Amino acid sequence: MIQKNEMMNRNQLNVCHDESNSVKINVFTSNSCTFCSEALQAAREAATKLRRFNLPIEVVETSVEEEPELVEFLNVVALPMILIGKSQIIGLPTTEDIELLLHQAVLS
């Protein structure tokens, strides 16, 4: 049973990280979240800016209603939440906040 749970957790984590060279901006949203659409838009704007430098960046929206196990596994405590690598932003970020984390993720 423990092995099955560990496999499930690794598979869930693949939603946030994969074998490609692209940097993922994971935006966790909810239909009832007032600021989630603004956070998603800020993530898309930051990705667009950095794509100009030929950086492979992908924005991934994950609905907490559709992926409750992943939310629990990643310990999402408030929305919106943006996860880039091992860094996260909780609450409504600015485009510049996301760009800073992207720069850090690309340089590391």
PDB file of N, CA and C in Angstrom:
ATOM      1  N   MET A   1       0.830  -1.206   0.000  1.00  0.00           N
ATOM      2  CA  MET A   1       0.000   0.000   0.000  1.00  0.00           C
ATOM      3  C   MET A   1       0.865   1.257   0.000  1.00  0.00           C
ATOM      4  N   ILE A   2       1.927   1.269   0.762  1.00  0.00           N
ATOM      5  CA  ILE A   2       2.797   2.437   0.803  1.00  0.00           C
ATOM      6  C   ILE A   2       3.427   2.675  -0.564  1.00  0.00           C
ATOM      7  N   GLN A   3       3.867   1.618  -1.228  1.00  0.00           N
ATOM      8  CA  GLN A   3       4.477   1.779  -2.536  1.00  0.00           C
ATOM      9  C   GLN A   3       3.489   2.386  -3.527  1.00  0.00           C
ATOM     10  N   LYS A   4       2.240   1.983  -3.464  1.00  0.00           N
ATOM     11  CA  LYS A   4       1.237   2.528  -4.373  1.00  0.00           C
ATOM     12  C   LYS A   4       1.076   4.029  -4.128  1.00  0.00           C
ATOM     13  N   ASN A   5       1.027   4.456  -2.877  1.00  0.00           N
ATOM     14  CA  ASN A   5       0.904   5.871  -2.558  1.00  0.00           C
ATOM     15  C   ASN A   5       2.117   6.646  -3.034  1.00  0.00           C
ATOM     16  N   GLU A   6       3.307   6.082  -2.883  1.00  0.00           N
ATOM     17  CA  GLU A   6       4.508   6.758  -3.346  1.00  0.00           C
ATOM     18  C   GLU A   6       4.473   6.920  -4.856  1.00  0.00           C
ATOM     19  N   MET A   7       4.014   5.903  -5.590  1.00  0.00           N
ATOM     20  CA  MET A   7       3.911   5.999  -7.042  1.00  0.00           C
ATOM     21  C   MET A   7       2.886   7.050  -7.437  1.00  0.00           C
ATOM     22  N   MET A   8       1.774   7.091  -6.738  1.00  0.00           N
ATOM     23  CA  MET A   8       0.763   8.078  -7.049  1.00  0.00           C
ATOM     24  C   MET A   8       1.334   9.476  -6.849  1.00  0.00           C
ATOM     25  N   ASN A   9       2.082   9.693  -5.785  1.00  0.00           N
ATOM     26  CA  ASN A   9       2.655  11.001  -5.518  1.00  0.00           C
ATOM     27  C   ASN A   9       3.654  11.407  -6.599  1.00  0.00           C
ATOM     28  N   ARG A  10       4.484  10.469  -7.057  1.00  0.00           N
ATOM     29  CA  ARG A  10       5.428  10.782  -8.129  1.00  0.00           C
ATOM     30  C   ARG A  10       4.691  11.131  -9.411  1.00  0.00           C
ATOM     31  N   ASN A  11       3.625  10.398  -9.725  1.00  0.00           N
ATOM     32  CA  ASN A  11       2.848  10.691 -10.922  1.00  0.00           C
ATOM     33  C   ASN A  11       2.165  12.048 -10.813  1.00  0.00           C
ATOM     34  N   GLN A  12       1.661  12.379  -9.642  1.00  0.00           N
ATOM     35  CA  GLN A  12       1.037  13.680  -9.451  1.00  0.00           C
ATOM     36  C   GLN A  12       2.064  14.791  -9.625  1.00  0.00           C
ATOM     37  N   LEU A  13       3.253  14.569  -9.143  1.00  0.00           N
ATOM     38  CA  LEU A  13       4.286  15.589  -9.227  1.00  0.00           C
ATOM     39  C   LEU A  13       4.697  15.839 -10.674  1.00  0.00           C
ATOM     40  N   ASN A  14       4.517  14.863 -11.555  1.00  0.00           N
ATOM     41  CA  ASN A  14       4.853  15.055 -12.966  1.00  0.00           C
ATOM     42  C   ASN A  14       4.004  16.137 -13.608  1.00  0.00           C
ATOM     43  N   VAL A  15       2.876  16.474 -13.021  1.00  0.00           N
ATOM     44  CA  VAL A  15       2.073  17.577 -13.531  1.00  0.00           C
ATOM     45  C   VAL A  15       2.863  18.880 -13.420  1.00  0.00           C
ATOM     46  N   CYS A  16       3.693  18.983 -12.385  1.00  0.00           N
ATOM     47  CA  CYS A  16       4.449  20.205 -12.148  1.00  0.00           C
ATOM     48  C   CYS A  16       5.843  20.182 -12.752  1.00  0.00           C
ATOM     49  N   HIS A  17       6.418  19.008 -12.921  1.00  0.00           N
ATOM     50  CA  HIS A  17       7.783  18.875 -13.424  1.00  0.00           C
ATOM     51  C   HIS A  17       7.807  17.744 -14.437  1.00  0.00           C
ATOM     52  N   ASP A  18       8.521  17.945 -15.524  1.00  0.00           N
ATOM     53  CA  ASP A  18       8.658  16.858 -16.480  1.00  0.00           C
ATOM     54  C   ASP A  18      10.075  16.823 -17.010  1.00  0.00           C
ATOM     55  N   GLU A  19      10.311  15.930 -17.935  1.00  0.00           N
ATOM     56  CA  GLU A  19      11.653  15.703 -18.455  1.00  0.00           C
ATOM     57  C   GLU A  19      12.089  16.768 -19.468  1.00  0.00           C
ATOM     58  N   SER A  20      11.184  17.584 -19.952  1.00  0.00           N
ATOM     59  CA  SER A  20      11.538  18.588 -20.956  1.00  0.00           C
ATOM     60  C   SER A  20      12.353  19.708 -20.318  1.00  0.00           C
ATOM     61  N   ASN A  21      12.896  20.540 -21.160  1.00  0.00           N
ATOM     62  CA  ASN A  21      13.694  21.661 -20.679  1.00  0.00           C
ATOM     63  C   ASN A  21      12.848  22.885 -20.383  1.00  0.00           C
ATOM     64  N   SER A  22      11.548  22.794 -20.551  1.00  0.00           N
ATOM     65  CA  SER A  22      10.707  23.962 -20.322  1.00  0.00           C
ATOM     66  C   SER A  22      10.532  24.224 -18.834  1.00  0.00           C
ATOM     67  N   VAL A  23      10.387  25.495 -18.516  1.00  0.00           N
ATOM     68  CA  VAL A  23      10.101  25.918 -17.148  1.00  0.00           C
ATOM     69  C   VAL A  23       8.594  26.028 -17.044  1.00  0.00           C
ATOM     70  N   LYS A  24       8.028  25.415 -16.018  1.00  0.00           N
ATOM     71  CA  LYS A  24       6.584  25.434 -15.838  1.00  0.00           C
ATOM     72  C   LYS A  24       6.181  26.454 -14.783  1.00  0.00           C
ATOM     73  N   ILE A  25       5.177  27.240 -15.140  1.00  0.00           N
ATOM     74  CA  ILE A  25       4.518  28.120 -14.177  1.00  0.00           C
ATOM     75  C   ILE A  25       3.205  27.433 -13.859  1.00  0.00           C
ATOM     76  N   ASN A  26       3.113  26.858 -12.678  1.00  0.00           N
ATOM     77  CA  ASN A  26       1.903  26.146 -12.261  1.00  0.00           C
ATOM     78  C   ASN A  26       1.018  27.100 -11.467  1.00  0.00           C
ATOM     79  N   VAL A  27      -0.178  27.335 -11.986  1.00  0.00           N
ATOM     80  CA  VAL A  27      -1.122  28.237 -11.335  1.00  0.00           C
ATOM     81  C   VAL A  27      -2.287  27.399 -10.825  1.00  0.00           C
ATOM     82  N   PHE A  28      -2.454  27.375  -9.518  1.00  0.00           N
ATOM     83  CA  PHE A  28      -3.547  26.620  -8.898  1.00  0.00           C
ATOM     84  C   PHE A  28      -4.722  27.567  -8.708  1.00  0.00           C
ATOM     85  N   THR A  29      -5.877  27.169  -9.263  1.00  0.00           N
ATOM     86  CA  THR A  29      -7.041  28.041  -9.282  1.00  0.00           C
ATOM     87  C   THR A  29      -8.285  27.315  -8.772  1.00  0.00           C
ATOM     88  N   SER A  30      -9.318  28.113  -8.561  1.00  0.00           N
ATOM     89  CA  SER A  30     -10.625  27.588  -8.164  1.00  0.00           C
ATOM     90  C   SER A  30     -11.690  28.463  -8.807  1.00  0.00           C
ATOM     91  N   ASN A  31     -12.817  27.867  -9.118  1.00  0.00           N
ATOM     92  CA  ASN A  31     -13.923  28.645  -9.687  1.00  0.00           C
ATOM     93  C   ASN A  31     -14.422  29.714  -8.728  1.00  0.00           C
ATOM     94  N   SER A  32     -14.275  29.485  -7.433  1.00  0.00           N
ATOM     95  CA  SER A  32     -14.783  30.433  -6.442  1.00  0.00           C
ATOM     96  C   SER A  32     -13.739  31.470  -6.011  1.00  0.00           C
ATOM     97  N   CYS A  33     -12.542  31.398  -6.575  1.00  0.00           N
ATOM     98  CA  CYS A  33     -11.454  32.306  -6.207  1.00  0.00           C
ATOM     99  C   CYS A  33     -11.593  33.637  -6.941  1.00  0.00           C
ATOM    100  N   THR A  34     -11.622  34.714  -6.196  1.00  0.00           N
ATOM    101  CA  THR A  34     -11.789  36.046  -6.769  1.00  0.00           C
ATOM    102  C   THR A  34     -10.578  36.485  -7.585  1.00  0.00           C
ATOM    103  N   PHE A  35      -9.370  36.125  -7.133  1.00  0.00           N
ATOM    104  CA  PHE A  35      -8.156  36.642  -7.759  1.00  0.00           C
ATOM    105  C   PHE A  35      -7.443  35.651  -8.682  1.00  0.00           C
ATOM    106  N   CYS A  36      -7.973  34.454  -8.810  1.00  0.00           N
ATOM    107  CA  CYS A  36      -7.285  33.420  -9.589  1.00  0.00           C
ATOM    108  C   CYS A  36      -7.134  33.776 -11.065  1.00  0.00           C
ATOM    109  N   SER A  37      -8.145  34.362 -11.655  1.00  0.00           N
ATOM    110  CA  SER A  37      -8.036  34.716 -13.074  1.00  0.00           C
ATOM    111  C   SER A  37      -6.982  35.799 -13.294  1.00  0.00           C
ATOM    112  N   GLU A  38      -6.856  36.726 -12.346  1.00  0.00           N
ATOM    113  CA  GLU A  38      -5.823  37.764 -12.444  1.00  0.00           C
ATOM    114  C   GLU A  38      -4.426  37.160 -12.286  1.00  0.00           C
ATOM    115  N   ALA A  39      -4.287  36.204 -11.386  1.00  0.00           N
ATOM    116  CA  ALA A  39      -2.998  35.537 -11.201  1.00  0.00           C
ATOM    117  C   ALA A  39      -2.613  34.755 -12.449  1.00  0.00           C
ATOM    118  N   LEU A  40      -3.579  34.095 -13.047  1.00  0.00           N
ATOM    119  CA  LEU A  40      -3.334  33.345 -14.280  1.00  0.00           C
ATOM    120  C   LEU A  40      -2.914  34.284 -15.404  1.00  0.00           C
ATOM    121  N   GLN A  41      -3.563  35.425 -15.494  1.00  0.00           N
ATOM    122  CA  GLN A  41      -3.210  36.421 -16.515  1.00  0.00           C
ATOM    123  C   GLN A  41      -1.794  36.957 -16.276  1.00  0.00           C
ATOM    124  N   ALA A  42      -1.431  37.213 -15.033  1.00  0.00           N
ATOM    125  CA  ALA A  42      -0.073  37.689 -14.714  1.00  0.00           C
ATOM    126  C   ALA A  42       0.963  36.638 -15.100  1.00  0.00           C
ATOM    127  N   ALA A  43       0.664  35.376 -14.862  1.00  0.00           N
ATOM    128  CA  ALA A  43       1.581  34.289 -15.236  1.00  0.00           C
ATOM    129  C   ALA A  43       1.748  34.232 -16.749  1.00  0.00           C
ATOM    130  N   ARG A  44       0.666  34.385 -17.469  1.00  0.00           N
ATOM    131  CA  ARG A  44       0.743  34.364 -18.941  1.00  0.00           C
ATOM    132  C   ARG A  44       1.547  35.546 -19.477  1.00  0.00           C
ATOM    133  N   GLU A  45       1.376  36.716 -18.864  1.00  0.00           N
ATOM    134  CA  GLU A  45       2.136  37.893 -19.286  1.00  0.00           C
ATOM    135  C   GLU A  45       3.625  37.709 -19.026  1.00  0.00           C
ATOM    136  N   ALA A  46       3.984  37.176 -17.854  1.00  0.00           N
ATOM    137  CA  ALA A  46       5.388  36.934 -17.528  1.00  0.00           C
ATOM    138  C   ALA A  46       5.997  35.925 -18.490  1.00  0.00           C
ATOM    139  N   ALA A  47       5.259  34.876 -18.800  1.00  0.00           N
ATOM    140  CA  ALA A  47       5.752  33.860 -19.732  1.00  0.00           C
ATOM    141  C   ALA A  47       5.969  34.455 -21.116  1.00  0.00           C
ATOM    142  N   THR A  48       5.048  35.283 -21.559  1.00  0.00           N
ATOM    143  CA  THR A  48       5.166  35.916 -22.874  1.00  0.00           C
ATOM    144  C   THR A  48       6.407  36.801 -22.942  1.00  0.00           C
ATOM    145  N   LYS A  49       6.658  37.559 -21.880  1.00  0.00           N
ATOM    146  CA  LYS A  49       7.837  38.426 -21.859  1.00  0.00           C
ATOM    147  C   LYS A  49       9.130  37.620 -21.974  1.00  0.00           C
ATOM    148  N   LEU A  50       9.212  36.526 -21.229  1.00  0.00           N
ATOM    149  CA  LEU A  50      10.457  35.761 -21.233  1.00  0.00           C
ATOM    150  C   LEU A  50      10.593  34.862 -22.453  1.00  0.00           C
ATOM    151  N   ARG A  51       9.510  34.543 -23.108  1.00  0.00           N
ATOM    152  CA  ARG A  51       9.610  33.769 -24.352  1.00  0.00           C
ATOM    153  C   ARG A  51      10.319  34.560 -25.445  1.00  0.00           C
ATOM    154  N   ARG A  52      10.314  35.868 -25.317  1.00  0.00           N
ATOM    155  CA  ARG A  52      11.023  36.714 -26.288  1.00  0.00           C
ATOM    156  C   ARG A  52      12.519  36.429 -26.289  1.00  0.00           C
ATOM    157  N   PHE A  53      13.004  35.873 -25.196  1.00  0.00           N
ATOM    158  CA  PHE A  53      14.416  35.520 -25.077  1.00  0.00           C
ATOM    159  C   PHE A  53      14.650  34.049 -25.403  1.00  0.00           C
ATOM    160  N   ASN A  54      13.679  33.448 -26.093  1.00  0.00           N
ATOM    161  CA  ASN A  54      13.730  32.038 -26.500  1.00  0.00           C
ATOM    162  C   ASN A  54      13.832  31.072 -25.316  1.00  0.00           C
ATOM    163  N   LEU A  55      13.213  31.430 -24.211  1.00  0.00           N
ATOM    164  CA  LEU A  55      13.154  30.537 -23.065  1.00  0.00           C
ATOM    165  C   LEU A  55      11.861  29.727 -23.146  1.00  0.00           C
ATOM    166  N   PRO A  56      11.959  28.411 -23.064  1.00  0.00           N
ATOM    167  CA  PRO A  56      10.752  27.572 -23.150  1.00  0.00           C
ATOM    168  C   PRO A  56       9.983  27.597 -21.828  1.00  0.00           C
ATOM    169  N   ILE A  57       8.921  28.361 -21.802  1.00  0.00           N
ATOM    170  CA  ILE A  57       8.123  28.526 -20.591  1.00  0.00           C
ATOM    171  C   ILE A  57       6.691  28.102 -20.887  1.00  0.00           C
ATOM    172  N   GLU A  58       6.134  27.341 -19.963  1.00  0.00           N
ATOM    173  CA  GLU A  58       4.778  26.823 -20.124  1.00  0.00           C
ATOM    174  C   GLU A  58       3.956  27.193 -18.892  1.00  0.00           C
ATOM    175  N   VAL A  59       2.758  27.738 -19.124  1.00  0.00           N
ATOM    176  CA  VAL A  59       1.826  28.046 -18.043  1.00  0.00           C
ATOM    177  C   VAL A  59       0.835  26.895 -17.945  1.00  0.00           C
ATOM    178  N   VAL A  60       0.730  26.317 -16.743  1.00  0.00           N
ATOM    179  CA  VAL A  60      -0.170  25.190 -16.508  1.00  0.00           C
ATOM    180  C   VAL A  60      -1.170  25.590 -15.427  1.00  0.00           C
ATOM    181  N   GLU A  61      -2.442  25.592 -15.787  1.00  0.00           N
ATOM    182  CA  GLU A  61      -3.493  25.878 -14.808  1.00  0.00           C
ATOM    183  C   GLU A  61      -4.006  24.569 -14.245  1.00  0.00           C
ATOM    184  N   THR A  62      -4.086  24.492 -12.923  1.00  0.00           N
ATOM    185  CA  THR A  62      -4.623  23.308 -12.249  1.00  0.00           C
ATOM    186  C   THR A  62      -5.765  23.749 -11.349  1.00  0.00           C
ATOM    187  N   SER A  63      -6.939  23.213 -11.628  1.00  0.00           N
ATOM    188  CA  SER A  63      -8.110  23.522 -10.820  1.00  0.00           C
ATOM    189  C   SER A  63      -8.091  22.649  -9.570  1.00  0.00           C
ATOM    190  N   VAL A  64      -8.231  23.265  -8.416  1.00  0.00           N
ATOM    191  CA  VAL A  64      -8.225  22.489  -7.174  1.00  0.00           C
ATOM    192  C   VAL A  64      -9.441  21.577  -7.074  1.00  0.00           C
ATOM    193  N   GLU A  65     -10.510  21.923  -7.772  1.00  0.00           N
ATOM    194  CA  GLU A  65     -11.689  21.060  -7.770  1.00  0.00           C
ATOM    195  C   GLU A  65     -11.426  19.780  -8.566  1.00  0.00           C
ATOM    196  N   GLU A  66     -10.607  19.874  -9.604  1.00  0.00           N
ATOM    197  CA  GLU A  66     -10.341  18.723 -10.464  1.00  0.00           C
ATOM    198  C   GLU A  66      -9.174  17.867  -9.990  1.00  0.00           C
ATOM    199  N   GLU A  67      -8.272  18.413  -9.193  1.00  0.00           N
ATOM    200  CA  GLU A  67      -7.076  17.693  -8.745  1.00  0.00           C
ATOM    201  C   GLU A  67      -6.892  17.780  -7.225  1.00  0.00           C
ATOM    202  N   PRO A  68      -7.863  17.319  -6.424  1.00  0.00           N
ATOM    203  CA  PRO A  68      -7.738  17.465  -4.966  1.00  0.00           C
ATOM    204  C   PRO A  68      -6.552  16.704  -4.371  1.00  0.00           C
ATOM    205  N   GLU A  69      -6.188  15.554  -4.952  1.00  0.00           N
ATOM    206  CA  GLU A  69      -5.060  14.795  -4.408  1.00  0.00           C
ATOM    207  C   GLU A  69      -3.741  15.535  -4.611  1.00  0.00           C
ATOM    208  N   LEU A  70      -3.588  16.160  -5.769  1.00  0.00           N
ATOM    209  CA  LEU A  70      -2.376  16.922  -6.055  1.00  0.00           C
ATOM    210  C   LEU A  70      -2.282  18.126  -5.136  1.00  0.00           C
ATOM    211  N   VAL A  71      -3.391  18.773  -4.901  1.00  0.00           N
ATOM    212  CA  VAL A  71      -3.428  19.930  -4.021  1.00  0.00           C
ATOM    213  C   VAL A  71      -2.996  19.533  -2.612  1.00  0.00           C
ATOM    214  N   GLU A  72      -3.493  18.399  -2.151  1.00  0.00           N
ATOM    215  CA  GLU A  72      -3.119  17.914  -0.822  1.00  0.00           C
ATOM    216  C   GLU A  72      -1.640  17.544  -0.784  1.00  0.00           C
ATOM    217  N   PHE A  73      -1.162  16.872  -1.829  1.00  0.00           N
ATOM    218  CA  PHE A  73       0.237  16.446  -1.888  1.00  0.00           C
ATOM    219  C   PHE A  73       1.187  17.641  -1.870  1.00  0.00           C
ATOM    220  N   LEU A  74       0.836  18.713  -2.575  1.00  0.00           N
ATOM    221  CA  LEU A  74       1.688  19.899  -2.637  1.00  0.00           C
ATOM    222  C   LEU A  74       1.414  20.881  -1.506  1.00  0.00           C
ATOM    223  N   ASN A  75       0.452  20.557  -0.650  1.00  0.00           N
ATOM    224  CA  ASN A  75       0.102  21.378   0.499  1.00  0.00           C
ATOM    225  C   ASN A  75      -0.311  22.795   0.087  1.00  0.00           C
ATOM    226  N   VAL A  76      -1.221  22.877  -0.867  1.00  0.00           N
ATOM    227  CA  VAL A  76      -1.756  24.169  -1.278  1.00  0.00           C
ATOM    228  C   VAL A  76      -2.661  24.661  -0.161  1.00  0.00           C
ATOM    229  N   VAL A  77      -2.286  25.794   0.464  1.00  0.00           N
ATOM    230  CA  VAL A  77      -3.024  26.274   1.624  1.00  0.00           C
ATOM    231  C   VAL A  77      -3.936  27.457   1.320  1.00  0.00           C
ATOM    232  N   ALA A  78      -3.670  28.156   0.222  1.00  0.00           N
ATOM    233  CA  ALA A  78      -4.492  29.305  -0.144  1.00  0.00           C
ATOM    234  C   ALA A  78      -4.394  29.509  -1.648  1.00  0.00           C
ATOM    235  N   LEU A  79      -5.376  30.205  -2.184  1.00  0.00           N
ATOM    236  CA  LEU A  79      -5.418  30.458  -3.616  1.00  0.00           C
ATOM    237  C   LEU A  79      -5.514  31.952  -3.879  1.00  0.00           C
ATOM    238  N   PRO A  80      -5.004  32.396  -4.998  1.00  0.00           N
ATOM    239  CA  PRO A  80      -4.240  31.639  -5.976  1.00  0.00           C
ATOM    240  C   PRO A  80      -2.865  31.288  -5.431  1.00  0.00           C
ATOM    241  N   MET A  81      -2.314  30.218  -5.960  1.00  0.00           N
ATOM    242  CA  MET A  81      -0.943  29.823  -5.637  1.00  0.00           C
ATOM    243  C   MET A  81      -0.226  29.534  -6.942  1.00  0.00           C
ATOM    244  N   ILE A  82       0.972  30.070  -7.056  1.00  0.00           N
ATOM    245  CA  ILE A  82       1.806  29.844  -8.229  1.00  0.00           C
ATOM    246  C   ILE A  82       3.050  29.120  -7.776  1.00  0.00           C
ATOM    247  N   LEU A  83       3.367  28.046  -8.474  1.00  0.00           N
ATOM    248  CA  LEU A  83       4.530  27.223  -8.155  1.00  0.00           C
ATOM    249  C   LEU A  83       5.457  27.223  -9.365  1.00  0.00           C
ATOM    250  N   ILE A  84       6.703  27.653  -9.139  1.00  0.00           N
ATOM    251  CA  ILE A  84       7.730  27.639 -10.175  1.00  0.00           C
ATOM    252  C   ILE A  84       8.943  26.954  -9.571  1.00  0.00           C
ATOM    253  N   GLY A  85       9.219  25.752 -10.048  1.00  0.00           N
ATOM    254  CA  GLY A  85      10.284  24.971  -9.428  1.00  0.00           C
ATOM    255  C   GLY A  85       9.921  24.683  -7.989  1.00  0.00           C
ATOM    256  N   LYS A  86      10.791  25.052  -7.066  1.00  0.00           N
ATOM    257  CA  LYS A  86      10.528  24.837  -5.642  1.00  0.00           C
ATOM    258  C   LYS A  86      10.033  26.100  -4.948  1.00  0.00           C
ATOM    259  N   SER A  87       9.854  27.164  -5.714  1.00  0.00           N
ATOM    260  CA  SER A  87       9.392  28.436  -5.150  1.00  0.00           C
ATOM    261  C   SER A  87       7.914  28.614  -5.405  1.00  0.00           C
ATOM    262  N   GLN A  88       7.256  29.306  -4.492  1.00  0.00           N
ATOM    263  CA  GLN A  88       5.824  29.533  -4.655  1.00  0.00           C
ATOM    264  C   GLN A  88       5.438  30.943  -4.251  1.00  0.00           C
ATOM    265  N   ILE A  89       4.361  31.393  -4.845  1.00  0.00           N
ATOM    266  CA  ILE A  89       3.747  32.668  -4.498  1.00  0.00           C
ATOM    267  C   ILE A  89       2.311  32.346  -4.107  1.00  0.00           C
ATOM    268  N   ILE A  90       1.921  32.793  -2.925  1.00  0.00           N
ATOM    269  CA  ILE A  90       0.542  32.614  -2.475  1.00  0.00           C
ATOM    270  C   ILE A  90      -0.108  33.983  -2.459  1.00  0.00           C
ATOM    271  N   GLY A  91      -1.266  34.078  -3.080  1.00  0.00           N
ATOM    272  CA  GLY A  91      -1.954  35.354  -3.188  1.00  0.00           C
ATOM    273  C   GLY A  91      -1.802  35.917  -4.584  1.00  0.00           C
ATOM    274  N   LEU A  92      -2.223  37.142  -4.764  1.00  0.00           N
ATOM    275  CA  LEU A  92      -2.209  37.767  -6.084  1.00  0.00           C
ATOM    276  C   LEU A  92      -0.828  38.372  -6.356  1.00  0.00           C
ATOM    277  N   PRO A  93      -0.085  37.795  -7.298  1.00  0.00           N
ATOM    278  CA  PRO A  93       1.246  38.318  -7.604  1.00  0.00           C
ATOM    279  C   PRO A  93       1.190  39.384  -8.697  1.00  0.00           C
ATOM    280  N   THR A  94       2.267  40.125  -8.805  1.00  0.00           N
ATOM    281  CA  THR A  94       2.432  40.999  -9.954  1.00  0.00           C
ATOM    282  C   THR A  94       3.182  40.210 -11.024  1.00  0.00           C
ATOM    283  N   THR A  95       3.152  40.701 -12.222  1.00  0.00           N
ATOM    284  CA  THR A  95       3.911  40.069 -13.299  1.00  0.00           C
ATOM    285  C   THR A  95       5.389  40.049 -12.946  1.00  0.00           C
ATOM    286  N   GLU A  96       5.867  41.104 -12.305  1.00  0.00           N
ATOM    287  CA  GLU A  96       7.278  41.199 -11.921  1.00  0.00           C
ATOM    288  C   GLU A  96       7.655  40.146 -10.883  1.00  0.00           C
ATOM    289  N   ASP A  97       6.745  39.841  -9.954  1.00  0.00           N
ATOM    290  CA  ASP A  97       7.001  38.784  -8.961  1.00  0.00           C
ATOM    291  C   ASP A  97       7.245  37.450  -9.663  1.00  0.00           C
ATOM    292  N   ILE A  98       6.423  37.161 -10.642  1.00  0.00           N
ATOM    293  CA  ILE A  98       6.540  35.893 -11.375  1.00  0.00           C
ATOM    294  C   ILE A  98       7.811  35.885 -12.217  1.00  0.00           C
ATOM    295  N   GLU A  99       8.111  37.010 -12.852  1.00  0.00           N
ATOM    296  CA  GLU A  99       9.334  37.104 -13.653  1.00  0.00           C
ATOM    297  C   GLU A  99      10.568  36.841 -12.798  1.00  0.00           C
ATOM    298  N   LEU A 100      10.587  37.359 -11.584  1.00  0.00           N
ATOM    299  CA  LEU A 100      11.726  37.143 -10.684  1.00  0.00           C
ATOM    300  C   LEU A 100      11.918  35.658 -10.399  1.00  0.00           C
ATOM    301  N   LEU A 101      10.843  34.947 -10.089  1.00  0.00           N
ATOM    302  CA  LEU A 101      10.947  33.511  -9.848  1.00  0.00           C
ATOM    303  C   LEU A 101      11.373  32.754 -11.106  1.00  0.00           C
ATOM    304  N   LEU A 102      10.885  33.212 -12.264  1.00  0.00           N
ATOM    305  CA  LEU A 102      11.291  32.570 -13.513  1.00  0.00           C
ATOM    306  C   LEU A 102      12.780  32.755 -13.763  1.00  0.00           C
ATOM    307  N   HIS A 103      13.280  33.946 -13.531  1.00  0.00           N
ATOM    308  CA  HIS A 103      14.712  34.195 -13.695  1.00  0.00           C
ATOM    309  C   HIS A 103      15.511  33.280 -12.776  1.00  0.00           C
ATOM    310  N   GLN A 104      15.076  33.145 -11.537  1.00  0.00           N
ATOM    311  CA  GLN A 104      15.757  32.291 -10.580  1.00  0.00           C
ATOM    312  C   GLN A 104      15.716  30.835 -11.031  1.00  0.00           C
ATOM    313  N   ALA A 105      14.573  30.398 -11.549  1.00  0.00           N
ATOM    314  CA  ALA A 105      14.440  29.001 -11.998  1.00  0.00           C
ATOM    315  C   ALA A 105      15.327  28.734 -13.205  1.00  0.00           C
ATOM    316  N   VAL A 106      15.426  29.682 -14.112  1.00  0.00           N
ATOM    317  CA  VAL A 106      16.238  29.501 -15.311  1.00  0.00           C
ATOM    318  C   VAL A 106      17.721  29.495 -14.957  1.00  0.00           C
ATOM    319  N   LEU A 107      18.120  30.322 -14.015  1.00  0.00           N
ATOM    320  CA  LEU A 107      19.535  30.417 -13.654  1.00  0.00           C
ATOM    321  C   LEU A 107      20.016  29.270 -12.773  1.00  0.00           C
ATOM    322  N   SER A 108      19.081  28.576 -12.131  1.00  0.00           N
ATOM    323  CA  SER A 108      19.517  27.479 -11.238  1.00  0.00           C
ATOM    324  C   SER A 108      19.576  26.168 -11.944  1.00  0.00           C
TER     325      SER A 108
END
